[in-house]
């Protein structure tokens, strides 16, 4: 289960462990002790999870910067159309980097 720093609480992490799920939660160490300890951070999957989540968050940050922080349209159809168009533009911008990596 992946989540951001807001979910780095003792109760949330304990509930996930009780359910048998690995808590891939970003550590919140600002002025307090993190509920995520070495049992989770020592596994390579934890680092991979954080890296992939960062990549996904970059997309939403780019979309917000491109004008969808506050939509100009009303209604699900128009806002969905704008989101799709913006996501397609992001993919076109990333395409050269993806092709170079392949």
Protein backbone atom coordinates (compact mmCIF):
# COMPACT_ATOMS: atom_id res chain seq x y z
CA UNK A 1 0.00 0.00 0.00
CA UNK A 2 1.59 3.26 -1.12
CA UNK A 3 0.72 6.64 0.35
CA UNK A 4 2.23 10.06 0.98
CA UNK A 5 3.67 11.55 4.17
CA UNK A 6 0.26 12.36 5.61
CA UNK A 7 -0.35 8.63 6.17
CA UNK A 8 2.86 8.13 8.18
CA UNK A 9 0.98 7.57 11.44
CA UNK A 10 1.24 4.76 13.96
CA UNK A 11 -2.40 3.73 13.59
CA UNK A 12 -2.38 3.59 9.77
CA UNK A 13 0.89 1.65 9.60
CA UNK A 14 -0.25 -0.76 12.34
CA UNK A 15 -3.55 -1.41 10.53
CA UNK A 16 -1.73 -2.16 7.28
CA UNK A 17 0.64 -4.56 9.00
CA UNK A 18 -2.31 -6.23 10.73
CA UNK A 19 -3.91 -6.77 7.30
CA UNK A 20 -0.65 -8.23 5.99
CA UNK A 21 0.06 -5.35 3.61
CA UNK A 22 3.45 -3.69 3.30
CA UNK A 23 3.16 0.02 4.19
CA UNK A 24 5.03 1.81 1.37
CA UNK A 25 4.40 5.20 2.95
CA UNK A 26 6.81 8.10 2.54
CA UNK A 27 8.56 8.85 5.82
CA UNK A 28 7.56 12.07 7.57
CA UNK A 29 10.51 13.00 9.75
CA UNK A 30 9.83 16.71 10.12
CA UNK A 31 9.85 17.40 13.87
CA UNK A 32 8.71 13.89 14.78
CA UNK A 33 9.55 10.22 14.60
CA UNK A 34 8.37 8.26 11.57
CA UNK A 35 6.10 5.23 12.00
CA UNK A 36 7.93 3.57 9.09
CA UNK A 37 10.94 1.73 10.46
CA UNK A 38 13.71 -0.47 9.11
CA UNK A 39 11.38 -3.43 8.58
CA UNK A 40 9.94 -1.58 5.61
CA UNK A 41 12.76 0.65 4.39
CA UNK A 42 15.35 -2.16 4.15
CA UNK A 43 13.55 -3.85 1.24
CA UNK A 44 14.43 -2.78 -2.31
CA UNK A 45 10.72 -2.69 -3.19
CA UNK A 46 10.24 0.26 -0.84
CA UNK A 47 12.74 2.39 -2.75
CA UNK A 48 11.20 1.35 -6.08
CA UNK A 49 7.74 2.24 -4.81
CA UNK A 50 8.84 5.73 -3.75
CA UNK A 51 10.63 6.34 -7.06
CA UNK A 52 7.61 5.26 -9.14
CA UNK A 53 5.21 7.32 -7.00
CA UNK A 54 7.42 10.38 -7.53
CA UNK A 55 7.21 9.84 -11.30
CA UNK A 56 3.41 9.69 -11.12
CA UNK A 57 3.20 12.81 -8.96
CA UNK A 58 5.33 14.70 -11.51
CA UNK A 59 2.62 14.15 -14.11
CA UNK A 60 -0.06 15.67 -11.90
CA UNK A 61 2.21 18.58 -11.01
CA UNK A 62 2.82 19.27 -14.69
CA UNK A 63 -0.90 19.09 -15.43
CA UNK A 64 -1.61 21.59 -12.65
CA UNK A 65 1.04 23.93 -14.00
CA UNK A 66 -0.41 23.60 -17.51
CA UNK A 67 -3.66 25.18 -16.40
CA UNK A 68 -5.80 22.58 -14.68
CA UNK A 69 -5.15 23.79 -11.14
CA UNK A 70 -8.36 25.75 -11.47
CA UNK A 71 -10.45 24.65 -14.42
CA UNK A 72 -12.10 27.15 -16.72
CA UNK A 73 -14.87 24.75 -17.64
CA UNK A 74 -17.82 23.25 -15.80
CA UNK A 75 -19.11 19.73 -16.12
CA UNK A 76 -17.49 16.35 -16.21
CA UNK A 77 -17.38 16.10 -19.99
CA UNK A 78 -15.53 19.38 -20.57
CA UNK A 79 -13.13 19.00 -17.65
CA UNK A 80 -12.44 15.40 -18.71
CA UNK A 81 -11.73 16.57 -22.25
CA UNK A 82 -9.28 19.19 -20.98
CA UNK A 83 -7.57 16.63 -18.74
CA UNK A 84 -7.21 14.19 -21.63
CA UNK A 85 -5.80 16.89 -23.90
CA UNK A 86 -3.32 18.02 -21.26
CA UNK A 87 -2.24 14.45 -20.50
CA UNK A 88 -1.73 13.82 -24.24
CA UNK A 89 0.42 16.97 -24.45
CA UNK A 90 2.51 15.70 -21.53
CA UNK A 91 2.99 12.38 -23.30
CA UNK A 92 4.13 14.18 -26.47
CA UNK A 93 6.65 16.17 -24.47
CA UNK A 94 8.00 12.99 -22.83
CA UNK A 95 8.08 10.99 -26.08
CA UNK A 96 11.61 11.99 -27.21
CA UNK A 97 13.05 11.01 -23.82
CA UNK A 98 11.21 7.68 -23.90
CA UNK A 99 12.39 6.95 -27.44
CA UNK A 100 15.99 7.83 -26.54
CA UNK A 101 15.89 5.40 -23.61
CA UNK A 102 14.67 2.55 -25.83
